[in-house]
Amino acid sequence: MSNETKESLNFIEQIISGDLEKGLHDGRVHTRFPPEPNGYLHIGHAKAITLNFEIAQKFGGKTNLRFDDTNPTNEDTEYVDSIKRDIEWLGFQWEGEALYASDYFERLYELALKLIDKGLAYVDDSSAEEIAAMKGDIGVPGKDSPYRGRSVEENRDLFERMRAGEFPDGSRVLRAKIDMAHQNLLLRDPVMYRIKRDHHHRTGDKWCIYPMYDFAHGQSDSIEEITHSLCSLEFIHHRPLYDWFIEKLEIFPSRQIEFARMNVAYLITSKRKLRRLVEEGHVNGWDDPRMPTLAAMRRRGYPPMAIRTFCNKAGITRRENLIDMNLLDFCVRAELNKTAPRVMAVLDPLKVVITNYPEGQVEDMEVINNPEDETMGSRLMPFSREVYIERKDFMEDPPKKFFRMGPGRNIRLKGAYILHCEDFVKDEATGEIKEVHCTYYPDSRSGSDFSGIKPKGTLHWVSAPHAKACEVRLYDRLFTDPTPDQHEDKTYMDFLNPDSLEVIKKAYIEPNVADQIAPGKQLQFLRMGYFCVDPDTTGEKWVFNRTVTLKDTWKKLQQKGGK
């Protein structure tokens, strides 16, 4: 590989390339994605998924999906199923069947016995509080447990009896015997096993002892002969322990490599904190479109390729940084601009009556589905005497640079005629404009040779008698602060955005999109943004989620001093 090619690789790819040049592992590259099935995957996991799968593909390798299911308290098959669905939705397929750390419980138990037999593990009767107190602190050596000197025979006997269920929960643990004065606190005799009588989602009640994550994770990598164990930067201090187990157990030497996790402005990626939002009803479930979970992004209408592009643009680094959420929005817009058909929908309807248009007459107007893709063709929209436009597209006394409808102005309806605004009707009680009266130029139909009138602008519209009423949900940032969980004096709950969801109960959409009303279908509402058909949609009720605006309106709000 040339020096120029090497420089184009990220640091992980450079490491792998170097290993291959040395002939390690017979030229194999085998990665894995090892989620804990205790919640739904989020945008941070998307980075890890994309990295593991795409690196393996780049070097002709394989990627395992392994569930690190060593803590049955919060684990559930619901999460297992959701994780599988999310990975496949992103466009990746793992090697063979999905694997589980619980598949290796017997082998992990045997490896623990091997450490006991080597005099490198012991059973400790101390309480969790006592063990924590004995750990010491940074610069302060820990203290040996009074049980650290037990014989190999006694430790083996006690550990076997722990497995047999002779002792109550929390009464004993198995600890690695390393160094209670080690500068890395994680190597001060870490706990390997605890007694825990919780029903496991796969093994049932077969086991009453469960391995700790630090023991199960690395050994599972070795059992699967994972060549490169890629994990987030928070595990860098765990690497010496990871390597210690490999060395002392004399097992396959998987290599742990850390990278900076995905931190995105206005999002949090702690499963515990996300679970609280769900359980306390601040959001409507794990797939609420305001959440940073992949299930939520799918429901909101994010294309999977946009998420993968975002992860790649964010890059792979060794240093933590905060990614601008506008980059994610940009990637979503760029993808949907190519793939989403254009339709017309009016969210805040104002009726326009075309007074010189024949009553009862209906014309079909041909409109292009997507100017970015000619293969999408065109569709027909009904046009009639009464149409709806957006209320914000009309002003009673418009300024000069208002390129929309106002008294005495000419405006074109997209794909249809030029209208001349004559008058409007107000509600006497509220002062609100109820309807606008216009005339049309019969020879100005879109596509004709008519050039006598220059319209002030072009508006989207729907025919009032034909439009389908629908519900539209407008989503915005869930938090008002870019780093809601990094404040000393406040919690992330203090930054919940009260305006993160606006529900419009009666918007209107053109009727000829009925054949596209399937959950997940993505559409561009002309001039309004990108939207997605929500699973709540039925034959009688159409529901749309706003995926993203056409432009970055959030930044404009901040610049104006808004929330």
Protein backbone atom coordinates (compact mmCIF):
# COMPACT_ATOMS: atom_id res chain seq x y z
CA MET A 1 0.00 0.00 0.00
CA SER A 2 1.44 3.41 -1.00
CA ASN A 3 2.09 6.17 1.56
CA GLU A 4 -0.55 8.32 -0.16
CA THR A 5 -3.15 5.55 0.24
CA LYS A 6 -2.22 5.08 3.89
CA GLU A 7 -2.66 8.78 4.59
CA SER A 8 -6.23 8.62 3.24
CA LEU A 9 -7.15 5.99 5.83
CA ASN A 10 -8.48 6.87 9.28
CA PHE A 11 -6.31 5.86 12.22
CA ILE A 12 -8.15 2.57 12.80
CA GLU A 13 -7.80 1.60 9.15
CA GLN A 14 -4.09 2.45 9.36
CA ILE A 15 -3.71 0.13 12.36
CA ILE A 16 -5.52 -2.70 10.58
CA SER A 17 -3.51 -2.13 7.42
CA GLY A 18 -0.33 -2.37 9.49
CA ASP A 19 -1.49 -5.62 11.11
CA LEU A 20 -2.22 -7.10 7.70
CA GLU A 21 1.22 -6.13 6.44
CA LYS A 22 2.70 -8.00 9.42
CA GLY A 23 0.65 -11.07 8.50
CA LEU A 24 -1.27 -11.14 11.79
CA HIS A 25 -4.21 -13.53 12.03
CA ASP A 26 -3.40 -14.99 8.60
CA GLY A 27 -4.61 -11.76 6.98
CA ARG A 28 -8.08 -11.95 8.57
CA VAL A 29 -10.14 -8.96 9.68
CA HIS A 30 -13.03 -9.87 11.94
CA THR A 31 -14.96 -7.17 13.84
CA ARG A 32 -18.08 -7.30 15.96
CA PHE A 33 -20.90 -5.06 17.14
CA PRO A 34 -21.68 -6.02 20.77
CA PRO A 35 -24.73 -4.13 22.12
CA GLU A 36 -26.27 -4.79 25.50
CA PRO A 37 -29.98 -5.63 24.94
CA ASN A 38 -31.21 -3.18 27.59
CA GLY A 39 -32.61 -0.43 25.37
CA TYR A 40 -33.02 0.78 21.82
CA LEU A 41 -30.06 1.73 19.65
CA HIS A 42 -29.35 5.44 19.19
CA ILE A 43 -27.31 7.65 16.86
CA GLY A 44 -24.12 6.85 18.78
CA HIS A 45 -24.62 3.16 18.05
CA ALA A 46 -25.09 4.04 14.37
CA LYS A 47 -21.50 5.27 14.31
CA ALA A 48 -20.23 2.05 15.90
CA ILE A 49 -22.33 -0.09 13.54
CA THR A 50 -21.18 1.80 10.45
CA LEU A 51 -17.55 1.68 11.56
CA ASN A 52 -17.48 -2.04 12.36
CA PHE A 53 -19.34 -3.21 9.29
CA GLU A 54 -17.76 -0.86 6.75
CA ILE A 55 -14.20 -1.49 7.97
CA ALA A 56 -14.73 -5.25 7.73
CA GLN A 57 -16.15 -4.82 4.23
CA LYS A 58 -13.23 -2.61 3.20
CA PHE A 59 -10.69 -5.27 4.17
CA GLY A 60 -12.72 -8.25 2.95
CA GLY A 61 -13.56 -9.34 6.48
CA LYS A 62 -16.58 -10.28 8.57
CA THR A 63 -18.65 -8.70 11.35
CA ASN A 64 -20.45 -10.54 14.13
CA LEU A 65 -23.52 -9.32 15.95
CA ARG A 66 -23.14 -10.34 19.56
CA PHE A 67 -25.49 -9.37 22.37
CA ASP A 68 -23.54 -8.85 25.60
CA ASP A 69 -26.42 -10.09 27.73
CA THR A 70 -24.73 -10.51 31.11
CA ASN A 71 -27.10 -8.39 33.19
CA PRO A 72 -30.59 -9.93 33.06
CA THR A 73 -32.20 -7.22 35.20
CA ASN A 74 -32.78 -4.77 32.33
CA GLU A 75 -32.53 -7.07 29.32
CA ASP A 76 -35.42 -8.17 27.15
CA THR A 77 -36.11 -9.87 23.82
CA GLU A 78 -37.94 -6.66 22.79
CA TYR A 79 -34.56 -4.94 22.69
CA VAL A 80 -32.92 -7.86 20.90
CA ASP A 81 -35.53 -7.71 18.15
CA SER A 82 -35.31 -3.92 17.85
CA ILE A 83 -31.50 -4.02 17.56
CA LYS A 84 -31.62 -6.61 14.78
CA ARG A 85 -34.25 -4.56 12.95
CA ASP A 86 -32.18 -1.36 13.23
CA ILE A 87 -28.98 -2.93 11.90
CA GLU A 88 -30.78 -4.42 8.91
CA TRP A 89 -32.55 -1.12 8.30
CA LEU A 90 -29.16 0.61 8.10
CA GLY A 91 -28.30 -1.84 5.32
CA PHE A 92 -25.90 -4.20 7.10
CA GLN A 93 -25.96 -7.97 7.59
CA TRP A 94 -23.93 -9.72 10.27
CA GLU A 95 -22.01 -12.95 9.80
CA GLY A 96 -24.12 -16.07 10.34
CA GLU A 97 -26.60 -16.15 13.20
CA ALA A 98 -26.70 -13.52 15.92
CA LEU A 99 -24.49 -14.49 18.86
CA TYR A 100 -24.90 -13.96 22.60
CA ALA A 101 -22.49 -13.73 25.51
CA SER A 102 -24.95 -16.07 27.23
CA ASP A 103 -23.97 -18.67 24.61
CA TYR A 104 -20.59 -18.70 26.35
CA PHE A 105 -21.66 -18.81 30.00
CA GLU A 106 -20.28 -22.33 30.46
CA ARG A 107 -16.98 -21.47 28.76
CA LEU A 108 -16.68 -18.24 30.72
CA TYR A 109 -17.26 -20.18 33.92
CA GLU A 110 -14.46 -22.56 32.93
CA LEU A 111 -12.14 -19.64 32.20
CA ALA A 112 -12.90 -18.25 35.66
CA LEU A 113 -11.97 -21.63 37.18
CA LYS A 114 -8.73 -21.51 35.20
CA LEU A 115 -7.81 -18.20 36.80
CA ILE A 116 -8.67 -19.61 40.23
CA ASP A 117 -6.42 -22.61 39.58
CA LYS A 118 -3.61 -20.24 38.60
CA GLY A 119 -4.03 -18.36 41.86
CA LEU A 120 -5.26 -15.29 39.97
CA ALA A 121 -8.85 -15.13 41.23
CA TYR A 122 -10.49 -15.46 44.65
CA VAL A 123 -13.93 -15.49 46.25
CA ASP A 124 -14.58 -12.44 48.41
CA ASP A 125 -17.26 -12.36 51.12
CA SER A 126 -17.05 -8.57 51.49
CA SER A 127 -20.08 -6.41 50.76
CA ALA A 128 -20.19 -4.07 47.77
CA GLU A 129 -19.66 -1.12 50.10
CA GLU A 130 -16.64 -2.75 51.74
CA ILE A 131 -15.08 -3.59 48.37
CA ALA A 132 -15.55 0.00 47.22
CA ALA A 133 -13.92 1.32 50.40
CA MET A 134 -10.95 -1.04 49.94
CA LYS A 135 -10.34 0.22 46.40
CA GLY A 136 -8.61 3.40 47.58
CA ASP A 137 -8.43 6.33 45.20
CA ILE A 138 -6.22 7.97 42.59
CA GLY A 139 -2.81 8.25 44.24
CA VAL A 140 -4.08 6.34 47.29
CA PRO A 141 -3.33 2.56 47.26
CA GLY A 142 -6.15 0.17 47.99
CA LYS A 143 -6.21 -2.40 50.78
CA ASP A 144 -6.17 -6.16 50.34
CA SER A 145 -9.39 -7.94 51.12
CA PRO A 146 -9.20 -10.17 54.20
CA TYR A 147 -10.26 -13.02 51.88
CA ARG A 148 -7.52 -12.41 49.29
CA GLY A 149 -5.27 -15.09 50.79
CA ARG A 150 -7.72 -17.98 50.45
CA SER A 151 -6.24 -21.13 48.96
CA VAL A 152 -6.88 -22.28 45.41
CA GLU A 153 -8.86 -25.23 46.76
CA GLU A 154 -11.08 -23.08 48.97
CA ASN A 155 -11.71 -20.56 46.17
CA ARG A 156 -12.63 -23.31 43.71
CA ASP A 157 -14.98 -24.93 46.23
CA LEU A 158 -16.69 -21.64 47.06
CA PHE A 159 -17.05 -20.63 43.41
CA GLU A 160 -18.58 -24.00 42.51
CA ARG A 161 -21.00 -23.62 45.41
CA MET A 162 -21.83 -20.08 44.23
CA ARG A 163 -22.89 -21.59 40.93
CA ALA A 164 -24.86 -24.31 42.73
CA GLY A 165 -26.94 -21.62 44.43
CA GLU A 166 -25.85 -22.26 48.02
CA PHE A 167 -25.38 -18.59 48.88
CA PRO A 168 -27.77 -15.63 48.85
CA ASP A 169 -27.60 -12.80 46.31
CA GLY A 170 -24.82 -10.32 46.95
CA SER A 171 -23.16 -12.40 49.66
CA ARG A 172 -20.06 -13.31 47.65
CA VAL A 173 -18.25 -12.29 44.47
CA LEU A 174 -15.35 -13.64 42.46
CA ARG A 175 -12.52 -11.14 42.03
CA ALA A 176 -9.41 -11.16 39.85
CA LYS A 177 -6.19 -11.03 41.90
CA ILE A 178 -4.12 -8.31 40.23
CA ASP A 179 -2.73 -5.38 42.25
CA MET A 180 -4.53 -3.33 44.90
CA ALA A 181 -1.96 -0.55 44.47
CA HIS A 182 -2.19 -0.34 40.69
CA GLN A 183 -2.41 3.23 39.37
CA ASN A 184 -5.39 2.14 37.22
CA LEU A 185 -8.23 1.61 39.69
CA LEU A 186 -9.89 -0.84 37.31
CA LEU A 187 -7.04 -3.28 37.92
CA ARG A 188 -7.42 -3.25 41.70
CA ASP A 189 -8.86 -6.74 41.94
CA PRO A 190 -11.97 -6.16 39.78
CA VAL A 191 -15.12 -8.20 40.36
CA MET A 192 -15.58 -10.96 37.76
CA TYR A 193 -18.79 -12.69 38.96
CA ARG A 194 -21.69 -11.85 41.24
CA ILE A 195 -24.63 -13.83 42.58
CA LYS A 196 -27.85 -12.61 41.01
CA ARG A 197 -31.07 -14.61 40.92
CA ASP A 198 -32.72 -12.83 38.00
CA HIS A 199 -34.56 -14.56 35.19
CA HIS A 200 -32.49 -14.36 31.99
CA HIS A 201 -34.24 -13.73 28.68
CA ARG A 202 -32.45 -16.72 27.09
CA THR A 203 -31.07 -19.02 29.80
CA GLY A 204 -34.06 -18.69 32.10
CA ASP A 205 -33.19 -19.66 35.69
CA LYS A 206 -30.28 -21.96 34.81
CA TRP A 207 -27.69 -19.56 36.21
CA CYS A 208 -27.63 -17.67 39.49
CA ILE A 209 -24.15 -16.23 38.92
CA TYR A 210 -23.42 -13.84 36.07
CA PRO A 211 -20.11 -12.56 34.73
CA MET A 212 -19.37 -8.86 34.90
CA TYR A 213 -19.14 -7.00 31.60
CA ASP A 214 -15.36 -6.48 31.79
CA PHE A 215 -14.80 -10.21 32.09
CA ALA A 216 -17.44 -11.46 29.66
CA HIS A 217 -16.83 -8.89 26.93
CA GLY A 218 -13.15 -9.49 26.23
CA GLN A 219 -13.34 -13.24 26.60
CA SER A 220 -16.29 -13.39 24.22
CA ASP A 221 -14.16 -11.49 21.69
CA SER A 222 -11.44 -14.11 22.09
CA ILE A 223 -13.85 -17.03 21.84
CA GLU A 224 -15.08 -15.62 18.52
CA GLU A 225 -11.49 -14.81 17.47
CA ILE A 226 -12.31 -11.19 16.84
CA THR A 227 -9.18 -9.59 15.41
CA HIS A 228 -10.03 -5.96 16.13
CA SER A 229 -12.34 -5.01 18.97
CA LEU A 230 -13.49 -1.46 18.21
CA CYS A 231 -15.08 0.43 21.07
CA SER A 232 -15.72 3.98 22.24
CA LEU A 233 -13.13 6.06 24.06
CA GLU A 234 -14.72 5.52 27.47
CA PHE A 235 -13.23 2.01 27.46
CA ILE A 236 -9.62 3.13 27.03
CA HIS A 237 -8.94 2.65 30.75
CA HIS A 238 -10.43 -0.84 30.53
CA ARG A 239 -7.94 -1.94 27.88
CA PRO A 240 -5.16 -2.96 30.35
CA LEU A 241 -7.69 -5.26 32.08
CA TYR A 242 -8.86 -6.56 28.70
CA ASP A 243 -5.25 -7.43 27.84
CA TRP A 244 -4.52 -8.84 31.32
CA PHE A 245 -7.25 -11.44 31.00
CA ILE A 246 -6.04 -12.43 27.53
CA GLU A 247 -2.47 -12.82 28.74
CA LYS A 248 -3.24 -14.78 31.90
CA LEU A 249 -5.81 -17.04 30.23
CA GLU A 250 -3.55 -17.57 27.20
CA ILE A 251 -6.41 -17.16 24.76
CA PHE A 252 -6.84 -15.57 21.33
CA PRO A 253 -5.31 -12.06 21.45
CA SER A 254 -8.09 -9.78 20.24
CA ARG A 255 -6.92 -6.18 19.97
CA GLN A 256 -8.99 -3.41 21.52
CA ILE A 257 -8.93 -0.04 19.69
CA GLU A 258 -10.81 3.00 20.99
CA PHE A 259 -12.42 5.83 19.04
CA ALA A 260 -14.34 8.94 20.08
CA ARG A 261 -18.04 8.34 20.55
CA MET A 262 -20.72 10.19 18.60
CA ASN A 263 -21.76 13.29 20.55
CA VAL A 264 -24.40 15.27 18.66
CA ALA A 265 -25.63 18.68 19.73
CA TYR A 266 -29.15 18.74 21.29
CA LEU A 267 -29.17 14.95 21.74
CA ILE A 268 -28.39 12.67 24.64
CA THR A 269 -27.25 9.07 24.13
CA SER A 270 -27.45 7.59 27.62
CA LYS A 271 -29.86 4.63 27.63
CA ARG A 272 -30.62 5.28 31.28
CA LYS A 273 -31.59 8.88 30.61
CA LEU A 274 -33.56 7.96 27.51
CA ARG A 275 -35.41 5.31 29.49
CA ARG A 276 -36.43 7.94 32.02
CA LEU A 277 -37.88 10.12 29.26
CA VAL A 278 -39.95 7.14 28.12
CA GLU A 279 -41.04 5.91 31.53
CA GLU A 280 -42.03 9.36 32.80
CA GLY A 281 -44.04 10.11 29.65
CA HIS A 282 -42.00 13.06 28.38
CA VAL A 283 -41.98 11.30 25.00
CA ASN A 284 -44.33 8.77 23.44
CA GLY A 285 -42.10 5.70 23.58
CA TRP A 286 -38.63 4.75 22.33
CA ASP A 287 -39.67 5.49 18.74
CA ASP A 288 -41.01 8.98 19.42
CA PRO A 289 -39.62 10.97 16.46
CA ARG A 290 -37.96 13.46 18.84
CA MET A 291 -35.77 10.74 20.35
CA PRO A 292 -32.19 10.02 19.13
CA THR A 293 -32.95 6.31 18.73
CA LEU A 294 -32.72 4.69 15.31
CA ALA A 295 -36.31 3.49 15.70
CA ALA A 296 -37.37 7.13 16.22
CA MET A 297 -35.35 8.32 13.24
CA ARG A 298 -36.90 5.65 11.06
CA ARG A 299 -40.39 6.71 12.18
CA ARG A 300 -39.51 10.35 11.57
CA GLY A 301 -38.49 9.52 8.01
CA TYR A 302 -34.69 9.68 8.12
CA PRO A 303 -33.28 7.60 5.24
CA PRO A 304 -30.79 5.00 6.49
CA MET A 305 -28.23 6.07 3.89
CA ALA A 306 -28.38 9.63 5.25
CA ILE A 307 -27.46 8.35 8.73
CA ARG A 308 -24.55 6.35 7.32
CA THR A 309 -23.37 9.40 5.36
CA PHE A 310 -23.61 11.50 8.52
CA CYS A 311 -21.50 9.00 10.48
CA ASN A 312 -18.85 9.01 7.77
CA LYS A 313 -18.80 12.81 7.50
CA ALA A 314 -18.47 13.11 11.28
CA GLY A 315 -15.30 11.05 10.94
CA ILE A 316 -13.35 8.68 13.18
CA THR A 317 -11.14 10.44 15.73
CA ARG A 318 -9.34 9.80 19.00
CA ARG A 319 -10.67 12.96 20.63
CA GLU A 320 -14.20 13.66 21.86
CA ASN A 321 -16.01 16.43 19.99
CA LEU A 322 -19.53 17.75 19.52
CA ILE A 323 -21.08 17.24 16.10
CA ASP A 324 -23.43 19.95 14.82
CA MET A 325 -26.91 18.51 14.39
CA ASN A 326 -27.29 20.66 11.28
CA LEU A 327 -24.88 18.25 9.59
CA LEU A 328 -27.34 15.42 10.21
CA ASP A 329 -30.19 17.55 8.85
CA PHE A 330 -28.07 18.39 5.79
CA CYS A 331 -27.41 14.69 5.09
CA VAL A 332 -31.13 13.92 5.44
CA ARG A 333 -32.11 16.74 3.06
CA ALA A 334 -29.47 15.76 0.51
CA GLU A 335 -30.76 12.17 0.39
CA LEU A 336 -34.47 13.04 0.36
CA ASN A 337 -33.97 15.71 -2.30
CA LYS A 338 -33.01 12.89 -4.67
CA THR A 339 -35.60 10.32 -3.64
CA ALA A 340 -38.73 11.97 -2.22
CA PRO A 341 -41.64 12.79 -4.56
CA ARG A 342 -42.99 16.36 -4.35
CA VAL A 343 -46.61 16.82 -3.32
CA MET A 344 -48.71 19.79 -2.24
CA ALA A 345 -50.10 20.13 1.26
CA VAL A 346 -51.44 23.14 3.14
CA LEU A 347 -50.86 23.14 6.90
CA ASP A 348 -52.66 26.37 7.85
CA PRO A 349 -55.40 26.71 5.22
CA LEU A 350 -56.83 29.96 3.92
CA LYS A 351 -59.59 29.63 1.33
CA VAL A 352 -59.21 31.42 -1.98
CA VAL A 353 -62.33 31.82 -4.13
CA ILE A 354 -61.66 32.39 -7.87
CA THR A 355 -64.73 34.42 -8.66
CA ASN A 356 -64.52 34.27 -12.48
CA TYR A 357 -63.79 30.54 -12.62
CA PRO A 358 -66.86 28.51 -13.71
CA GLU A 359 -68.69 26.92 -10.79
CA GLY A 360 -68.58 23.13 -10.87
CA GLN A 361 -65.71 23.04 -13.36
CA VAL A 362 -62.71 20.85 -12.53
CA GLU A 363 -59.45 20.65 -14.48
CA ASP A 364 -56.53 18.28 -14.09
CA MET A 365 -53.20 20.05 -13.78
CA GLU A 366 -50.04 18.11 -14.63
CA VAL A 367 -47.30 18.55 -12.03
CA ILE A 368 -43.77 17.07 -12.01
CA ASN A 369 -43.13 14.59 -9.20
CA ASN A 370 -39.43 15.34 -8.69
CA PRO A 371 -37.36 17.67 -10.86
CA GLU A 372 -34.22 15.90 -9.60
CA ASP A 373 -35.35 12.58 -11.11
CA GLU A 374 -37.16 12.61 -14.47
CA THR A 375 -37.96 8.92 -14.13
CA MET A 376 -40.49 9.75 -11.41
CA GLY A 377 -42.69 11.32 -14.09
CA SER A 378 -45.66 13.55 -13.30
CA ARG A 379 -49.11 13.41 -11.75
CA LEU A 380 -52.48 15.12 -12.19
CA MET A 381 -53.93 17.48 -9.58
CA PRO A 382 -57.58 18.59 -9.61
CA PHE A 383 -58.13 22.36 -9.86
CA SER A 384 -61.42 24.05 -9.03
CA ARG A 385 -63.08 27.38 -8.19
CA GLU A 386 -62.01 27.16 -4.53
CA VAL A 387 -58.48 26.34 -3.38
CA TYR A 388 -56.55 26.45 -0.13
CA ILE A 389 -53.24 28.30 0.26
CA GLU A 390 -51.08 28.79 3.35
CA ARG A 391 -52.39 31.56 5.58
CA LYS A 392 -48.88 33.02 5.83
CA ASP A 393 -48.83 33.39 2.02
CA PHE A 394 -51.35 36.25 2.20
CA MET A 395 -50.96 39.68 3.78
CA GLU A 396 -53.57 42.41 3.97
CA ASP A 397 -50.93 45.12 3.58
CA PRO A 398 -47.79 43.39 2.30
CA PRO A 399 -44.36 45.07 2.19
CA LYS A 400 -42.62 45.48 -1.15
CA LYS A 401 -40.39 42.43 -0.69
CA PHE A 402 -43.25 40.10 0.25
CA PHE A 403 -43.32 37.83 -2.81
CA ARG A 404 -46.68 36.27 -2.13
CA MET A 405 -50.35 37.20 -2.31
CA GLY A 406 -51.82 40.58 -1.38
CA PRO A 407 -54.59 42.91 -2.61
CA GLY A 408 -53.95 44.06 -6.18
CA ARG A 409 -51.15 41.56 -6.71
CA ASN A 410 -50.71 38.78 -9.28
CA ILE A 411 -49.51 35.41 -8.04
CA ARG A 412 -49.11 32.05 -9.77
CA LEU A 413 -50.43 28.81 -8.35
CA LYS A 414 -47.79 26.15 -8.93
CA GLY A 415 -48.62 24.15 -12.07
CA ALA A 416 -51.87 26.08 -12.59
CA TYR A 417 -53.02 29.66 -13.32
CA ILE A 418 -51.99 33.19 -12.42
CA LEU A 419 -54.45 34.82 -10.02
CA HIS A 420 -55.15 38.48 -9.39
CA CYS A 421 -56.11 39.24 -5.78
CA GLU A 422 -59.22 41.45 -5.69
CA ASP A 423 -60.52 41.42 -2.13
CA PHE A 424 -60.74 39.52 1.15
CA VAL A 425 -63.30 38.83 3.86
CA LYS A 426 -62.62 39.25 7.58
CA ASP A 427 -64.27 37.70 10.61
CA GLU A 428 -65.94 40.66 12.32
CA ALA A 429 -65.43 39.23 15.80
CA THR A 430 -61.78 38.22 15.59
CA GLY A 431 -60.47 40.30 12.71
CA GLU A 432 -59.04 37.16 11.14
CA ILE A 433 -59.14 36.88 7.37
CA LYS A 434 -61.65 34.17 6.45
CA GLU A 435 -61.22 34.01 2.67
CA VAL A 436 -59.62 35.78 -0.25
CA HIS A 437 -61.34 36.62 -3.53
CA CYS A 438 -59.35 36.48 -6.76
CA THR A 439 -59.82 36.35 -10.50
CA TYR A 440 -57.73 34.22 -12.84
CA TYR A 441 -56.24 34.75 -16.27
CA PRO A 442 -57.72 31.94 -18.41
CA ASP A 443 -54.75 31.96 -20.81
CA SER A 444 -52.13 31.75 -18.05
CA ARG A 445 -52.26 28.03 -17.40
CA SER A 446 -48.81 26.69 -16.58
CA GLY A 447 -46.98 25.55 -19.71
CA SER A 448 -48.90 27.88 -22.02
CA ASP A 449 -47.40 30.70 -24.10
CA PHE A 450 -49.07 33.35 -21.91
CA SER A 451 -46.53 36.04 -20.98
CA GLY A 452 -48.60 39.18 -20.52
CA ILE A 453 -48.55 39.18 -16.71
CA LYS A 454 -45.55 38.75 -14.46
CA PRO A 455 -46.58 37.16 -11.14
CA LYS A 456 -45.10 38.32 -7.85
CA GLY A 457 -44.31 34.75 -6.84
CA THR A 458 -45.46 31.12 -6.97
CA LEU A 459 -47.52 29.41 -4.27
CA HIS A 460 -48.46 25.82 -3.54
CA TRP A 461 -52.16 25.01 -3.16
CA VAL A 462 -54.78 22.27 -3.03
CA SER A 463 -58.30 22.16 -4.43
CA ALA A 464 -60.65 22.73 -1.49
CA PRO A 465 -63.43 20.29 -2.56
CA HIS A 466 -60.96 17.53 -3.40
CA ALA A 467 -58.23 17.85 -0.73
CA LYS A 468 -57.85 15.17 1.90
CA ALA A 469 -57.81 16.30 5.52
CA CYS A 470 -54.85 14.95 7.46
CA GLU A 471 -52.95 15.29 10.74
CA VAL A 472 -49.43 16.73 10.63
CA ARG A 473 -46.93 16.49 13.48
CA LEU A 474 -44.17 19.10 13.48
CA TYR A 475 -41.12 17.98 15.46
CA ASP A 476 -38.27 20.12 16.66
CA ARG A 477 -35.27 19.69 18.99
CA LEU A 478 -36.16 17.77 22.15
CA PHE A 479 -33.79 19.97 24.18
CA THR A 480 -33.13 23.70 24.11
CA ASP A 481 -29.45 23.36 25.02
CA PRO A 482 -26.80 21.76 22.77
CA THR A 483 -25.29 19.87 25.73
CA PRO A 484 -28.25 19.27 28.06
CA ASP A 485 -26.51 16.66 30.24
CA GLN A 486 -23.27 18.55 30.84
CA HIS A 487 -24.30 21.20 33.35
CA GLU A 488 -23.26 21.10 37.00
CA ASP A 489 -26.17 23.11 38.32
CA LYS A 490 -28.96 21.61 36.19
CA THR A 491 -30.02 18.24 34.81
CA TYR A 492 -30.95 17.43 31.24
CA MET A 493 -34.61 17.44 32.31
CA ASP A 494 -34.34 21.21 32.89
CA PHE A 495 -33.71 21.73 29.17
CA LEU A 496 -36.69 19.87 27.73
CA ASN A 497 -38.12 21.91 24.88
CA PRO A 498 -41.83 22.63 25.54
CA ASP A 499 -42.28 23.39 21.84
CA SER A 500 -40.68 20.21 20.51
CA LEU A 501 -44.02 18.95 19.14
CA GLU A 502 -46.85 20.81 17.42
CA VAL A 503 -49.82 18.78 16.20
CA ILE A 504 -51.92 20.21 13.37
CA LYS A 505 -55.20 18.34 13.47
CA LYS A 506 -56.61 19.50 10.14
CA ALA A 507 -54.17 20.17 7.37
CA TYR A 508 -54.99 19.38 3.73
CA ILE A 509 -53.10 17.37 1.13
CA GLU A 510 -53.78 16.76 -2.56
CA PRO A 511 -55.92 13.61 -3.05
CA ASN A 512 -53.90 11.84 -5.72
CA VAL A 513 -51.22 10.64 -3.30
CA ALA A 514 -53.47 7.95 -1.86
CA ASP A 515 -51.40 5.21 -3.49
CA GLN A 516 -48.32 6.48 -1.61
CA ILE A 517 -49.89 6.48 1.84
CA ALA A 518 -47.94 3.64 3.43
CA PRO A 519 -46.09 3.94 6.77
CA GLY A 520 -42.54 5.11 6.18
CA LYS A 521 -43.21 6.69 2.78
CA GLN A 522 -41.21 9.90 2.44
CA LEU A 523 -42.56 12.95 0.62
CA GLN A 524 -41.60 16.56 0.15
CA PHE A 525 -44.44 18.94 0.92
CA LEU A 526 -43.65 21.67 -1.58
CA ARG A 527 -42.15 24.73 0.14
CA MET A 528 -42.86 23.19 3.57
CA GLY A 529 -40.26 20.48 4.16
CA TYR A 530 -39.84 16.72 4.07
CA PHE A 531 -42.48 14.54 5.68
CA CYS A 532 -43.07 10.86 6.35
CA VAL A 533 -46.25 8.80 6.65
CA ASP A 534 -46.60 7.78 10.31
CA PRO A 535 -47.60 4.23 11.38
CA ASP A 536 -50.67 5.74 13.07
CA THR A 537 -52.09 6.26 9.57
CA THR A 538 -55.25 4.35 8.70
CA GLY A 539 -57.54 4.34 5.67
CA GLU A 540 -59.62 7.09 7.28
CA LYS A 541 -56.88 9.08 8.97
CA TRP A 542 -53.65 10.13 7.31
CA VAL A 543 -50.84 11.17 9.68
CA PHE A 544 -47.57 12.78 8.61
CA ASN A 545 -44.41 13.49 10.59
CA ARG A 546 -42.14 16.34 9.59
CA THR A 547 -38.73 14.79 8.98
CA VAL A 548 -36.79 18.00 8.43
CA THR A 549 -37.43 21.51 7.15
CA LEU A 550 -36.22 22.61 3.74
CA LYS A 551 -33.74 24.96 5.42
CA ASP A 552 -32.12 25.28 8.82
CA THR A 553 -34.85 27.22 10.60
CA TRP A 554 -33.50 26.29 14.05
CA LYS A 555 -30.33 28.35 13.53
CA LYS A 556 -32.42 31.31 12.40
CA LEU A 557 -34.53 31.08 15.55
CA GLN A 558 -31.41 31.09 17.72
CA GLN A 559 -29.99 34.10 15.88
CA LYS A 560 -33.23 35.99 16.49
CA GLY A 561 -33.12 35.13 20.19
CA GLY A 562 -35.82 32.48 20.09
CA LYS A 563 -35.76 29.16 21.86
